Amino acid sequence: MADEALRIVSAAQEQNIILRLIGALVVRMHCKEFLHLHDAMKRELTDLDFITYRACADRLAPFFASLGYSPDE
């Protein structure tokens, strides 16, 4: 899942879309000394969480579609 998240952020950067990864995956990636806490809480990574600037928001749907993703409706 981490590889896919980094691929998405990299692809966004190539298209001048500022996209940042947030959420549980980031905690796992940046706070490895606390992985045991995530494991103890039985936290499962089920999705990827991103944030962007409002100025980039209109480009997100076409961007994710170009990567093969579709909206959850």
N, C-alpha and C. Protein backbone atom coordinates (compact mmCIF):
# COMPACT_ATOMS: atom_id res chain seq x y z
N MET A 1 0.82 -1.19 0.00
CA MET A 1 0.00 0.00 0.00
C MET A 1 0.87 1.26 0.00
N ALA A 2 1.98 1.23 0.71
CA ALA A 2 2.87 2.39 0.77
C ALA A 2 3.44 2.70 -0.61
N ASP A 3 3.79 1.65 -1.35
CA ASP A 3 4.33 1.87 -2.70
C ASP A 3 3.32 2.57 -3.60
N GLU A 4 2.07 2.16 -3.51
CA GLU A 4 1.01 2.78 -4.32
C GLU A 4 0.81 4.23 -3.91
N ALA A 5 0.82 4.49 -2.62
CA ALA A 5 0.65 5.87 -2.14
C ALA A 5 1.77 6.76 -2.66
N LEU A 6 2.99 6.29 -2.62
CA LEU A 6 4.12 7.08 -3.10
C LEU A 6 4.07 7.25 -4.61
N ARG A 7 3.58 6.24 -5.32
CA ARG A 7 3.41 6.35 -6.78
C ARG A 7 2.41 7.45 -7.11
N ILE A 8 1.31 7.50 -6.37
CA ILE A 8 0.27 8.50 -6.60
C ILE A 8 0.81 9.91 -6.33
N VAL A 9 1.51 10.08 -5.22
CA VAL A 9 2.06 11.40 -4.88
C VAL A 9 3.07 11.83 -5.93
N SER A 10 3.89 10.90 -6.39
CA SER A 10 4.88 11.21 -7.42
C SER A 10 4.20 11.60 -8.74
N ALA A 11 3.17 10.86 -9.13
CA ALA A 11 2.44 11.18 -10.36
C ALA A 11 1.77 12.54 -10.25
N ALA A 12 1.25 12.87 -9.08
CA ALA A 12 0.64 14.19 -8.88
C ALA A 12 1.69 15.28 -9.04
N GLN A 13 2.84 15.06 -8.47
CA GLN A 13 3.92 16.04 -8.57
C GLN A 13 4.30 16.28 -10.03
N GLU A 14 4.33 15.23 -10.82
CA GLU A 14 4.65 15.36 -12.25
C GLU A 14 3.64 16.24 -12.98
N GLN A 15 2.41 16.29 -12.46
CA GLN A 15 1.35 17.10 -13.09
C GLN A 15 1.13 18.42 -12.34
N ASN A 16 2.09 18.78 -11.51
CA ASN A 16 2.01 20.02 -10.73
C ASN A 16 0.78 20.09 -9.84
N ILE A 17 0.39 18.94 -9.30
CA ILE A 17 -0.69 18.86 -8.33
C ILE A 17 -0.03 18.60 -6.97
N ILE A 18 -0.29 19.48 -6.03
CA ILE A 18 0.26 19.29 -4.69
C ILE A 18 -0.66 18.33 -3.95
N LEU A 19 -0.14 17.16 -3.65
CA LEU A 19 -0.92 16.12 -3.00
C LEU A 19 -0.06 15.55 -1.88
N ARG A 20 -0.60 15.55 -0.68
CA ARG A 20 0.13 15.05 0.48
C ARG A 20 -0.61 13.86 1.07
N LEU A 21 0.14 12.89 1.48
CA LEU A 21 -0.40 11.71 2.13
C LEU A 21 -0.57 11.99 3.61
N ILE A 22 -1.72 11.62 4.17
CA ILE A 22 -1.98 11.78 5.60
C ILE A 22 -2.57 10.48 6.13
N GLY A 23 -2.77 10.38 7.41
CA GLY A 23 -3.46 9.24 7.98
C GLY A 23 -2.55 8.17 8.54
N ALA A 24 -3.15 7.01 8.78
CA ALA A 24 -2.47 5.91 9.46
C ALA A 24 -1.24 5.42 8.72
N LEU A 25 -1.29 5.39 7.40
CA LEU A 25 -0.13 4.92 6.64
C LEU A 25 1.09 5.82 6.90
N VAL A 26 0.87 7.12 6.96
CA VAL A 26 1.97 8.05 7.22
C VAL A 26 2.56 7.81 8.61
N VAL A 27 1.70 7.57 9.56
CA VAL A 27 2.19 7.27 10.91
C VAL A 27 3.07 6.04 10.87
N ARG A 28 2.62 5.02 10.17
CA ARG A 28 3.42 3.79 10.07
C ARG A 28 4.74 4.03 9.35
N MET A 29 4.73 4.89 8.33
CA MET A 29 5.94 5.15 7.55
C MET A 29 6.96 6.00 8.32
N HIS A 30 6.47 6.97 9.10
CA HIS A 30 7.36 7.93 9.73
C HIS A 30 7.64 7.66 11.20
N CYS A 31 6.88 6.80 11.83
CA CYS A 31 7.05 6.54 13.26
C CYS A 31 7.23 5.04 13.49
N LYS A 32 8.23 4.48 12.84
CA LYS A 32 8.41 3.02 12.89
C LYS A 32 8.65 2.50 14.30
N GLU A 33 9.17 3.36 15.18
CA GLU A 33 9.40 2.90 16.55
C GLU A 33 8.10 2.66 17.32
N PHE A 34 6.98 3.13 16.75
CA PHE A 34 5.69 2.93 17.40
C PHE A 34 4.77 1.96 16.64
N LEU A 35 5.34 1.19 15.74
CA LEU A 35 4.53 0.22 15.00
C LEU A 35 3.83 -0.75 15.93
N HIS A 36 4.46 -1.06 17.03
CA HIS A 36 3.86 -2.00 17.98
C HIS A 36 2.51 -1.48 18.51
N LEU A 37 2.36 -0.17 18.60
CA LEU A 37 1.08 0.39 19.05
C LEU A 37 -0.01 0.18 18.01
N HIS A 38 0.32 0.42 16.75
CA HIS A 38 -0.65 0.16 15.68
C HIS A 38 -1.03 -1.32 15.68
N ASP A 39 -0.02 -2.17 15.83
CA ASP A 39 -0.29 -3.61 15.84
C ASP A 39 -1.18 -3.99 17.03
N ALA A 40 -0.91 -3.41 18.19
CA ALA A 40 -1.70 -3.71 19.39
C ALA A 40 -3.15 -3.25 19.23
N MET A 41 -3.35 -2.16 18.50
CA MET A 41 -4.71 -1.65 18.28
C MET A 41 -5.39 -2.39 17.13
N LYS A 42 -4.64 -3.30 16.51
CA LYS A 42 -5.17 -4.06 15.36
C LYS A 42 -5.67 -3.13 14.26
N ARG A 43 -4.88 -2.07 14.01
CA ARG A 43 -5.22 -1.12 12.95
C ARG A 43 -4.92 -1.75 11.60
N GLU A 44 -5.93 -1.83 10.77
CA GLU A 44 -5.76 -2.32 9.41
C GLU A 44 -5.75 -1.13 8.45
N LEU A 45 -4.83 -1.18 7.52
CA LEU A 45 -4.78 -0.13 6.50
C LEU A 45 -5.74 -0.53 5.39
N THR A 46 -6.81 0.23 5.25
CA THR A 46 -7.84 -0.12 4.27
C THR A 46 -7.99 0.91 3.17
N ASP A 47 -7.36 2.09 3.35
CA ASP A 47 -7.48 3.13 2.34
C ASP A 47 -6.28 4.06 2.41
N LEU A 48 -6.21 4.95 1.45
CA LEU A 48 -5.17 5.96 1.42
C LEU A 48 -5.84 7.31 1.61
N ASP A 49 -5.25 8.14 2.44
CA ASP A 49 -5.80 9.46 2.74
C ASP A 49 -4.86 10.54 2.21
N PHE A 50 -5.42 11.47 1.46
CA PHE A 50 -4.64 12.55 0.87
C PHE A 50 -5.26 13.89 1.22
N ILE A 51 -4.45 14.92 1.10
CA ILE A 51 -4.91 16.30 1.26
C ILE A 51 -4.24 17.13 0.18
N THR A 52 -4.92 18.18 -0.26
CA THR A 52 -4.36 19.08 -1.27
C THR A 52 -4.84 20.49 -1.00
N TYR A 53 -4.34 21.43 -1.78
CA TYR A 53 -4.81 22.81 -1.71
C TYR A 53 -6.08 22.95 -2.53
N ARG A 54 -6.91 23.89 -2.14
CA ARG A 54 -8.14 24.17 -2.88
C ARG A 54 -7.86 24.45 -4.36
N ALA A 55 -6.75 25.10 -4.63
CA ALA A 55 -6.39 25.45 -6.01
C ALA A 55 -6.16 24.21 -6.88
N CYS A 56 -5.86 23.09 -6.28
CA CYS A 56 -5.62 21.85 -7.03
C CYS A 56 -6.85 20.95 -7.08
N ALA A 57 -7.87 21.28 -6.32
CA ALA A 57 -9.02 20.39 -6.13
C ALA A 57 -9.72 20.01 -7.43
N ASP A 58 -9.88 20.97 -8.35
CA ASP A 58 -10.60 20.69 -9.60
C ASP A 58 -9.88 19.68 -10.48
N ARG A 59 -8.60 19.51 -10.27
CA ARG A 59 -7.82 18.59 -11.10
C ARG A 59 -7.73 17.18 -10.52
N LEU A 60 -8.24 17.00 -9.29
CA LEU A 60 -8.08 15.70 -8.64
C LEU A 60 -8.88 14.57 -9.30
N ALA A 61 -10.14 14.79 -9.61
CA ALA A 61 -10.95 13.72 -10.21
C ALA A 61 -10.35 13.24 -11.53
N PRO A 62 -9.99 14.14 -12.46
CA PRO A 62 -9.36 13.66 -13.69
C PRO A 62 -8.01 12.99 -13.44
N PHE A 63 -7.27 13.51 -12.46
CA PHE A 63 -5.98 12.92 -12.14
C PHE A 63 -6.14 11.47 -11.67
N PHE A 64 -7.02 11.26 -10.69
CA PHE A 64 -7.21 9.90 -10.18
C PHE A 64 -7.81 8.98 -11.25
N ALA A 65 -8.67 9.51 -12.10
CA ALA A 65 -9.21 8.71 -13.20
C ALA A 65 -8.10 8.28 -14.14
N SER A 66 -7.13 9.16 -14.38
CA SER A 66 -6.02 8.79 -15.27
C SER A 66 -5.16 7.68 -14.69
N LEU A 67 -5.24 7.49 -13.38
CA LEU A 67 -4.50 6.41 -12.72
C LEU A 67 -5.34 5.13 -12.58
N GLY A 68 -6.59 5.19 -13.06
CA GLY A 68 -7.45 4.02 -13.01
C GLY A 68 -8.39 3.96 -11.82
N TYR A 69 -8.47 5.04 -11.05
CA TYR A 69 -9.35 5.07 -9.90
C TYR A 69 -10.70 5.66 -10.28
N SER A 70 -11.74 5.26 -9.58
CA SER A 70 -13.07 5.83 -9.80
C SER A 70 -13.63 6.28 -8.46
N PRO A 71 -14.50 7.28 -8.47
CA PRO A 71 -15.04 7.80 -7.20
C PRO A 71 -15.95 6.78 -6.53
N ASP A 72 -15.98 6.86 -5.21
CA ASP A 72 -16.88 6.05 -4.40
C ASP A 72 -18.22 6.78 -4.36
N GLU A 73 -19.21 6.25 -5.02
CA GLU A 73 -20.51 6.95 -5.05
C GLU A 73 -21.59 6.11 -4.45
